[in-house]
Amino acid sequence: MDLEKLKERVLTLVPEAEFEENKQFVTFFVPAGKLHVTTMRLKDDEDTAFDYLFCQSGTDMGKYLMVVYHLESTKLGHAIVLKVKTEDRENPAFDTVCDIWRTAEFHEREIFDLLGIRFNNHPDLRRLFLDENWVGYPLRKDYKDEVNIVEF
């Protein structure tokens, strides 16, 4: 499926998605409340068949926090990027996708550990790299580490 047909198919499956121009991947912003159902549709639909989550990352964009999902169909040979965002910096949360792609389990723990984004229904959401007593989230733009004097 070429990129234009893939774009049309995704918009058919998820009409609320917003296409973002990107030269490398077909990229969409998905409403946070539709993330889980969207990813299930994209995996289960025979025309998309996204059976592989090859990268999941979180980022602090200043005004909002965002999670980016890179999906690939190993059967059909195409890839897509999904993005979700929230302006809630106090209690950022999205639905987990680790029940869809097991690899998300560790990606989501890393995102939680370093950015403080929670994943609803995650089976084992706890810090991955930092000590349980660590205060703050070091990849946030507003993070300050008074001991090591790290500022962004």
N, C-alpha and C. Protein backbone atom coordinates (compact mmCIF):
# COMPACT_ATOMS: atom_id res chain seq x y z
N MET A 1 0.86 -1.18 0.00
CA MET A 1 0.00 0.00 0.00
C MET A 1 0.90 1.24 0.00
N ASP A 2 0.68 2.14 -0.93
CA ASP A 2 1.49 3.36 -0.96
C ASP A 2 1.05 4.31 0.16
N LEU A 3 1.85 5.34 0.38
CA LEU A 3 1.61 6.24 1.51
C LEU A 3 0.26 6.95 1.43
N GLU A 4 -0.16 7.34 0.24
CA GLU A 4 -1.44 8.04 0.09
C GLU A 4 -2.61 7.11 0.43
N LYS A 5 -2.56 5.88 -0.02
CA LYS A 5 -3.61 4.90 0.29
C LYS A 5 -3.62 4.56 1.77
N LEU A 6 -2.42 4.48 2.36
CA LEU A 6 -2.32 4.21 3.79
C LEU A 6 -2.95 5.36 4.58
N LYS A 7 -2.67 6.58 4.18
CA LYS A 7 -3.26 7.76 4.82
C LYS A 7 -4.78 7.69 4.74
N GLU A 8 -5.32 7.40 3.57
CA GLU A 8 -6.77 7.31 3.39
C GLU A 8 -7.37 6.19 4.24
N ARG A 9 -6.68 5.06 4.32
CA ARG A 9 -7.20 3.93 5.11
C ARG A 9 -7.24 4.29 6.59
N VAL A 10 -6.20 4.93 7.08
CA VAL A 10 -6.17 5.32 8.50
C VAL A 10 -7.30 6.31 8.79
N LEU A 11 -7.51 7.27 7.91
CA LEU A 11 -8.59 8.24 8.12
C LEU A 11 -9.97 7.59 8.04
N THR A 12 -10.09 6.51 7.28
CA THR A 12 -11.34 5.76 7.25
C THR A 12 -11.56 5.04 8.58
N LEU A 13 -10.50 4.43 9.09
CA LEU A 13 -10.60 3.69 10.36
C LEU A 13 -10.75 4.63 11.55
N VAL A 14 -10.09 5.79 11.48
CA VAL A 14 -10.05 6.72 12.61
C VAL A 14 -10.32 8.13 12.08
N PRO A 15 -11.60 8.47 11.84
CA PRO A 15 -11.91 9.78 11.25
C PRO A 15 -11.48 10.97 12.09
N GLU A 16 -11.31 10.77 13.41
CA GLU A 16 -10.93 11.89 14.26
C GLU A 16 -9.43 12.16 14.26
N ALA A 17 -8.65 11.31 13.60
CA ALA A 17 -7.20 11.52 13.53
C ALA A 17 -6.89 12.74 12.67
N GLU A 18 -5.81 13.43 13.03
CA GLU A 18 -5.37 14.60 12.27
C GLU A 18 -4.04 14.29 11.60
N PHE A 19 -4.03 14.36 10.29
CA PHE A 19 -2.82 14.08 9.51
C PHE A 19 -1.80 15.18 9.73
N GLU A 20 -0.53 14.78 9.87
CA GLU A 20 0.57 15.73 10.00
C GLU A 20 1.55 15.44 8.86
N GLU A 21 1.93 16.46 8.14
CA GLU A 21 2.86 16.31 7.02
C GLU A 21 4.22 15.87 7.55
N ASN A 22 4.75 14.78 6.99
CA ASN A 22 6.03 14.23 7.40
C ASN A 22 6.62 13.51 6.19
N LYS A 23 7.87 13.74 5.90
CA LYS A 23 8.47 13.16 4.69
C LYS A 23 8.82 11.69 4.84
N GLN A 24 9.06 11.24 6.05
CA GLN A 24 9.50 9.86 6.23
C GLN A 24 8.35 8.90 6.50
N PHE A 25 7.41 9.28 7.37
CA PHE A 25 6.33 8.40 7.78
C PHE A 25 4.98 9.08 7.59
N VAL A 26 3.94 8.28 7.39
CA VAL A 26 2.58 8.78 7.49
C VAL A 26 2.36 9.02 8.98
N THR A 27 2.02 10.25 9.36
CA THR A 27 1.96 10.64 10.76
C THR A 27 0.60 11.24 11.10
N PHE A 28 0.06 10.82 12.25
CA PHE A 28 -1.25 11.29 12.70
C PHE A 28 -1.22 11.64 14.17
N PHE A 29 -1.95 12.69 14.54
CA PHE A 29 -2.29 12.95 15.93
C PHE A 29 -3.62 12.28 16.19
N VAL A 30 -3.70 11.54 17.28
CA VAL A 30 -4.92 10.83 17.65
C VAL A 30 -5.41 11.40 18.97
N PRO A 31 -6.73 11.63 19.12
CA PRO A 31 -7.24 12.09 20.41
C PRO A 31 -6.89 11.06 21.50
N ALA A 32 -6.43 11.55 22.63
CA ALA A 32 -5.97 10.66 23.70
C ALA A 32 -7.04 9.63 24.10
N GLY A 33 -8.28 10.03 24.14
CA GLY A 33 -9.36 9.12 24.52
C GLY A 33 -9.63 8.04 23.49
N LYS A 34 -9.08 8.18 22.30
CA LYS A 34 -9.28 7.20 21.22
C LYS A 34 -8.04 6.36 20.95
N LEU A 35 -6.99 6.53 21.76
CA LEU A 35 -5.72 5.86 21.50
C LEU A 35 -5.87 4.34 21.46
N HIS A 36 -6.46 3.75 22.48
CA HIS A 36 -6.51 2.30 22.57
C HIS A 36 -7.34 1.70 21.44
N VAL A 37 -8.52 2.24 21.21
CA VAL A 37 -9.37 1.71 20.14
C VAL A 37 -8.72 1.92 18.77
N THR A 38 -8.03 3.03 18.59
CA THR A 38 -7.32 3.29 17.33
C THR A 38 -6.23 2.27 17.09
N THR A 39 -5.42 2.02 18.09
CA THR A 39 -4.32 1.08 17.91
C THR A 39 -4.83 -0.35 17.69
N MET A 40 -5.91 -0.71 18.35
CA MET A 40 -6.51 -2.03 18.11
C MET A 40 -6.98 -2.14 16.66
N ARG A 41 -7.65 -1.10 16.17
CA ARG A 41 -8.13 -1.12 14.78
C ARG A 41 -6.97 -1.24 13.80
N LEU A 42 -5.91 -0.48 14.05
CA LEU A 42 -4.77 -0.49 13.13
C LEU A 42 -4.03 -1.83 13.14
N LYS A 43 -4.05 -2.51 14.26
CA LYS A 43 -3.42 -3.83 14.33
C LYS A 43 -4.31 -4.89 13.68
N ASP A 44 -5.60 -4.85 13.97
CA ASP A 44 -6.52 -5.90 13.53
C ASP A 44 -7.00 -5.78 12.09
N ASP A 45 -6.98 -4.57 11.53
CA ASP A 45 -7.46 -4.38 10.17
C ASP A 45 -6.51 -5.05 9.18
N GLU A 46 -7.04 -5.87 8.28
CA GLU A 46 -6.18 -6.61 7.35
C GLU A 46 -5.46 -5.71 6.35
N ASP A 47 -5.96 -4.49 6.13
CA ASP A 47 -5.30 -3.56 5.20
C ASP A 47 -4.15 -2.79 5.84
N THR A 48 -4.14 -2.72 7.17
CA THR A 48 -3.05 -2.04 7.86
C THR A 48 -2.14 -3.04 8.58
N ALA A 49 -2.71 -3.94 9.36
CA ALA A 49 -1.99 -5.05 10.02
C ALA A 49 -0.71 -4.61 10.73
N PHE A 50 -0.80 -3.57 11.55
CA PHE A 50 0.38 -3.09 12.28
C PHE A 50 0.65 -4.01 13.46
N ASP A 51 1.47 -5.01 13.22
CA ASP A 51 1.74 -6.04 14.20
C ASP A 51 3.00 -5.78 15.03
N TYR A 52 3.68 -4.68 14.78
CA TYR A 52 4.96 -4.43 15.43
C TYR A 52 5.08 -2.98 15.87
N LEU A 53 5.23 -2.77 17.17
CA LEU A 53 5.53 -1.45 17.73
C LEU A 53 7.04 -1.39 17.86
N PHE A 54 7.71 -0.70 16.92
CA PHE A 54 9.17 -0.73 16.95
C PHE A 54 9.79 0.41 17.73
N CYS A 55 9.01 1.39 18.10
CA CYS A 55 9.53 2.46 18.95
C CYS A 55 8.36 3.18 19.62
N GLN A 56 8.51 3.49 20.88
CA GLN A 56 7.54 4.30 21.61
C GLN A 56 8.35 5.23 22.49
N SER A 57 8.09 6.52 22.37
CA SER A 57 8.88 7.47 23.15
C SER A 57 8.00 8.60 23.64
N GLY A 58 8.44 9.22 24.71
CA GLY A 58 7.75 10.37 25.26
C GLY A 58 8.61 11.60 25.09
N THR A 59 7.95 12.74 25.05
CA THR A 59 8.70 13.99 24.92
C THR A 59 7.93 15.13 25.57
N ASP A 60 8.67 16.09 26.07
CA ASP A 60 8.09 17.30 26.64
C ASP A 60 8.24 18.41 25.61
N MET A 61 7.12 18.87 25.09
CA MET A 61 7.14 19.90 24.06
C MET A 61 6.96 21.31 24.67
N GLY A 62 7.05 21.40 25.98
CA GLY A 62 6.89 22.70 26.63
C GLY A 62 5.45 22.93 27.05
N LYS A 63 4.58 23.17 26.08
CA LYS A 63 3.16 23.41 26.38
C LYS A 63 2.42 22.12 26.65
N TYR A 64 2.94 21.01 26.13
CA TYR A 64 2.26 19.73 26.33
C TYR A 64 3.27 18.59 26.34
N LEU A 65 2.83 17.46 26.90
CA LEU A 65 3.60 16.23 26.88
C LEU A 65 3.03 15.34 25.78
N MET A 66 3.90 14.59 25.14
CA MET A 66 3.46 13.80 23.99
C MET A 66 4.11 12.42 24.04
N VAL A 67 3.36 11.42 23.54
CA VAL A 67 3.90 10.08 23.34
C VAL A 67 3.79 9.78 21.85
N VAL A 68 4.86 9.22 21.31
CA VAL A 68 4.96 8.93 19.88
C VAL A 68 5.11 7.41 19.70
N TYR A 69 4.28 6.86 18.82
CA TYR A 69 4.26 5.42 18.55
C TYR A 69 4.67 5.19 17.10
N HIS A 70 5.73 4.42 16.88
CA HIS A 70 6.14 4.01 15.53
C HIS A 70 5.67 2.57 15.32
N LEU A 71 4.78 2.39 14.35
CA LEU A 71 4.21 1.08 14.09
C LEU A 71 4.63 0.59 12.71
N GLU A 72 4.78 -0.72 12.60
CA GLU A 72 5.13 -1.32 11.32
C GLU A 72 4.29 -2.57 11.09
N SER A 73 3.96 -2.80 9.84
CA SER A 73 3.34 -4.06 9.45
C SER A 73 4.44 -4.92 8.84
N THR A 74 4.82 -5.97 9.55
CA THR A 74 5.86 -6.86 9.01
C THR A 74 5.31 -7.68 7.85
N LYS A 75 4.00 -7.82 7.80
CA LYS A 75 3.36 -8.58 6.72
C LYS A 75 3.24 -7.76 5.44
N LEU A 76 2.88 -6.48 5.59
CA LEU A 76 2.58 -5.65 4.43
C LEU A 76 3.70 -4.67 4.08
N GLY A 77 4.65 -4.49 4.98
CA GLY A 77 5.82 -3.67 4.68
C GLY A 77 5.63 -2.17 4.74
N HIS A 78 4.66 -1.69 5.51
CA HIS A 78 4.52 -0.24 5.65
C HIS A 78 4.59 0.16 7.12
N ALA A 79 4.79 1.45 7.35
CA ALA A 79 4.96 1.96 8.71
C ALA A 79 4.15 3.24 8.87
N ILE A 80 3.89 3.58 10.13
CA ILE A 80 3.10 4.76 10.46
C ILE A 80 3.58 5.30 11.81
N VAL A 81 3.32 6.58 12.05
CA VAL A 81 3.60 7.19 13.35
C VAL A 81 2.30 7.75 13.90
N LEU A 82 2.00 7.40 15.15
CA LEU A 82 0.86 7.98 15.86
C LEU A 82 1.40 8.83 16.99
N LYS A 83 0.72 9.95 17.24
CA LYS A 83 1.11 10.82 18.35
C LYS A 83 -0.13 11.15 19.18
N VAL A 84 0.05 11.19 20.50
CA VAL A 84 -1.00 11.67 21.40
C VAL A 84 -0.37 12.71 22.31
N LYS A 85 -1.16 13.65 22.74
CA LYS A 85 -0.61 14.70 23.60
C LYS A 85 -1.60 15.07 24.69
N THR A 86 -1.05 15.67 25.74
CA THR A 86 -1.86 16.19 26.83
C THR A 86 -1.22 17.46 27.37
N GLU A 87 -2.06 18.41 27.72
CA GLU A 87 -1.57 19.64 28.35
C GLU A 87 -1.58 19.52 29.88
N ASP A 88 -2.08 18.40 30.39
CA ASP A 88 -2.14 18.16 31.83
C ASP A 88 -0.76 17.72 32.32
N ARG A 89 0.00 18.67 32.83
CA ARG A 89 1.34 18.36 33.30
C ARG A 89 1.35 17.82 34.72
N GLU A 90 0.25 18.02 35.45
CA GLU A 90 0.17 17.53 36.82
C GLU A 90 -0.15 16.04 36.89
N ASN A 91 -1.06 15.58 36.03
CA ASN A 91 -1.47 14.18 36.02
C ASN A 91 -1.59 13.66 34.58
N PRO A 92 -0.49 13.67 33.84
CA PRO A 92 -0.57 13.20 32.45
C PRO A 92 -0.79 11.69 32.40
N ALA A 93 -1.73 11.26 31.56
CA ALA A 93 -2.02 9.83 31.47
C ALA A 93 -2.63 9.50 30.11
N PHE A 94 -2.26 8.33 29.61
CA PHE A 94 -2.83 7.76 28.39
C PHE A 94 -3.12 6.29 28.67
N ASP A 95 -3.92 5.69 27.83
CA ASP A 95 -4.16 4.25 27.97
C ASP A 95 -2.93 3.48 27.52
N THR A 96 -2.68 2.36 28.18
CA THR A 96 -1.57 1.51 27.79
C THR A 96 -1.88 0.81 26.46
N VAL A 97 -0.83 0.47 25.75
CA VAL A 97 -0.99 -0.37 24.55
C VAL A 97 -0.21 -1.68 24.73
N CYS A 98 0.23 -1.96 25.94
CA CYS A 98 1.03 -3.17 26.15
C CYS A 98 0.18 -4.44 26.04
N ASP A 99 -1.14 -4.31 26.10
CA ASP A 99 -1.98 -5.47 25.85
C ASP A 99 -2.10 -5.75 24.34
N ILE A 100 -1.70 -4.79 23.52
CA ILE A 100 -1.73 -4.94 22.07
C ILE A 100 -0.34 -5.35 21.57
N TRP A 101 0.70 -4.65 22.05
CA TRP A 101 2.08 -4.97 21.71
C TRP A 101 2.86 -5.09 23.02
N ARG A 102 3.34 -6.28 23.32
CA ARG A 102 4.02 -6.52 24.60
C ARG A 102 5.26 -5.65 24.79
N THR A 103 5.90 -5.27 23.71
CA THR A 103 7.10 -4.45 23.82
C THR A 103 6.82 -3.10 24.47
N ALA A 104 5.57 -2.67 24.45
CA ALA A 104 5.21 -1.38 25.05
C ALA A 104 5.38 -1.39 26.56
N GLU A 105 5.37 -2.55 27.16
CA GLU A 105 5.46 -2.63 28.62
C GLU A 105 6.69 -1.90 29.15
N PHE A 106 7.86 -2.14 28.56
CA PHE A 106 9.08 -1.47 29.03
C PHE A 106 9.18 -0.04 28.50
N HIS A 107 8.72 0.20 27.30
CA HIS A 107 8.72 1.58 26.78
C HIS A 107 7.90 2.48 27.71
N GLU A 108 6.73 2.02 28.11
CA GLU A 108 5.86 2.83 28.96
C GLU A 108 6.46 3.02 30.35
N ARG A 109 7.16 2.02 30.86
CA ARG A 109 7.83 2.20 32.15
C ARG A 109 8.93 3.25 32.05
N GLU A 110 9.66 3.26 30.94
CA GLU A 110 10.71 4.26 30.75
C GLU A 110 10.10 5.67 30.65
N ILE A 111 9.03 5.81 29.89
CA ILE A 111 8.36 7.10 29.74
C ILE A 111 7.82 7.58 31.08
N PHE A 112 7.24 6.68 31.84
CA PHE A 112 6.75 7.03 33.17
C PHE A 112 7.91 7.49 34.07
N ASP A 113 8.99 6.74 34.05
CA ASP A 113 10.14 7.02 34.91
C ASP A 113 10.76 8.38 34.62
N LEU A 114 10.93 8.71 33.35
CA LEU A 114 11.68 9.90 32.98
C LEU A 114 10.83 11.13 32.69
N LEU A 115 9.52 10.93 32.40
CA LEU A 115 8.64 12.06 32.09
C LEU A 115 7.41 12.15 33.00
N GLY A 116 7.13 11.09 33.74
CA GLY A 116 5.99 11.11 34.66
C GLY A 116 4.64 10.89 34.00
N ILE A 117 4.64 10.39 32.77
CA ILE A 117 3.37 10.11 32.10
C ILE A 117 2.91 8.73 32.55
N ARG A 118 1.69 8.66 33.07
CA ARG A 118 1.12 7.38 33.52
C ARG A 118 0.40 6.70 32.36
N PHE A 119 0.34 5.38 32.44
CA PHE A 119 -0.37 4.60 31.43
C PHE A 119 -1.44 3.76 32.13
N ASN A 120 -2.69 4.14 31.89
CA ASN A 120 -3.84 3.46 32.50
C ASN A 120 -3.84 1.98 32.12
N ASN A 121 -4.07 1.13 33.11
CA ASN A 121 -4.18 -0.32 32.95
C ASN A 121 -2.86 -1.02 32.64
N HIS A 122 -1.74 -0.33 32.84
CA HIS A 122 -0.43 -0.97 32.68
C HIS A 122 -0.27 -1.99 33.81
N PRO A 123 0.21 -3.20 33.53
CA PRO A 123 0.28 -4.24 34.56
C PRO A 123 1.39 -4.05 35.60
N ASP A 124 2.39 -3.21 35.33
CA ASP A 124 3.52 -3.09 36.24
C ASP A 124 4.19 -1.73 36.10
N LEU A 125 3.42 -0.66 36.28
CA LEU A 125 3.95 0.68 36.08
C LEU A 125 4.74 1.13 37.31
N ARG A 126 6.05 1.10 37.17
CA ARG A 126 6.95 1.55 38.23
C ARG A 126 8.22 2.03 37.56
N ARG A 127 9.05 2.71 38.34
CA ARG A 127 10.29 3.24 37.79
C ARG A 127 11.14 2.12 37.20
N LEU A 128 11.84 2.46 36.13
CA LEU A 128 12.67 1.48 35.44
C LEU A 128 14.16 1.74 35.66
N PHE A 129 14.58 3.00 35.60
CA PHE A 129 15.99 3.35 35.72
C PHE A 129 16.32 4.04 37.04
N LEU A 130 15.44 4.90 37.49
CA LEU A 130 15.71 5.72 38.67
C LEU A 130 15.22 5.04 39.94
N ASP A 131 15.83 5.42 41.04
CA ASP A 131 15.44 4.91 42.35
C ASP A 131 14.01 5.31 42.67
N GLU A 132 13.30 4.47 43.39
CA GLU A 132 11.91 4.76 43.76
C GLU A 132 11.76 6.06 44.54
N ASN A 133 12.83 6.50 45.22
CA ASN A 133 12.78 7.73 46.01
C ASN A 133 13.15 8.98 45.21
N TRP A 134 13.47 8.81 43.93
CA TRP A 134 13.85 9.94 43.09
C TRP A 134 12.69 10.92 42.99
N VAL A 135 13.00 12.20 43.10
CA VAL A 135 11.97 13.24 43.02
C VAL A 135 12.06 13.92 41.67
N GLY A 136 10.94 13.93 40.96
CA GLY A 136 10.89 14.61 39.68
C GLY A 136 11.11 13.70 38.49
N TYR A 137 11.08 14.33 37.32
CA TYR A 137 11.18 13.60 36.06
C TYR A 137 12.22 14.30 35.19
N PRO A 138 13.43 13.72 35.07
CA PRO A 138 14.56 14.40 34.47
C PRO A 138 14.43 14.80 33.00
N LEU A 139 13.51 14.23 32.23
CA LEU A 139 13.39 14.64 30.84
C LEU A 139 12.36 15.75 30.62
N ARG A 140 11.79 16.25 31.70
CA ARG A 140 10.87 17.39 31.56
C ARG A 140 11.67 18.68 31.46
N LYS A 141 11.15 19.58 30.67
CA LYS A 141 11.84 20.86 30.46
C LYS A 141 11.93 21.70 31.73
N ASP A 142 10.98 21.51 32.65
CA ASP A 142 11.00 22.28 33.89
C ASP A 142 11.74 21.58 35.04
N TYR A 143 12.45 20.51 34.76
CA TYR A 143 13.16 19.75 35.79
C TYR A 143 14.39 20.50 36.25
N LYS A 144 14.57 20.52 37.57
CA LYS A 144 15.76 21.12 38.16
C LYS A 144 16.34 20.13 39.16
N ASP A 145 17.62 19.90 39.05
CA ASP A 145 18.32 19.01 39.96
C ASP A 145 19.31 19.85 40.76
N GLU A 146 18.91 20.22 41.96
CA GLU A 146 19.73 21.11 42.80
C GLU A 146 21.05 20.46 43.22
N VAL A 147 21.07 19.14 43.36
CA VAL A 147 22.28 18.45 43.79
C VAL A 147 23.33 18.46 42.69
N ASN A 148 22.93 18.10 41.48
CA ASN A 148 23.87 18.03 40.38
C ASN A 148 23.84 19.28 39.48
N ILE A 149 23.01 20.23 39.81
CA ILE A 149 22.87 21.49 39.11
C ILE A 149 22.63 21.27 37.61
N VAL A 150 21.64 20.44 37.32
CA VAL A 150 21.24 20.20 35.93
C VAL A 150 20.00 21.02 35.64
N GLU A 151 20.06 21.86 34.65
CA GLU A 151 18.90 22.67 34.28
C GLU A 151 18.74 22.65 32.78
N PHE A 152 17.50 22.71 32.34
CA PHE A 152 17.21 22.76 30.91
C PHE A 152 16.53 24.05 30.57
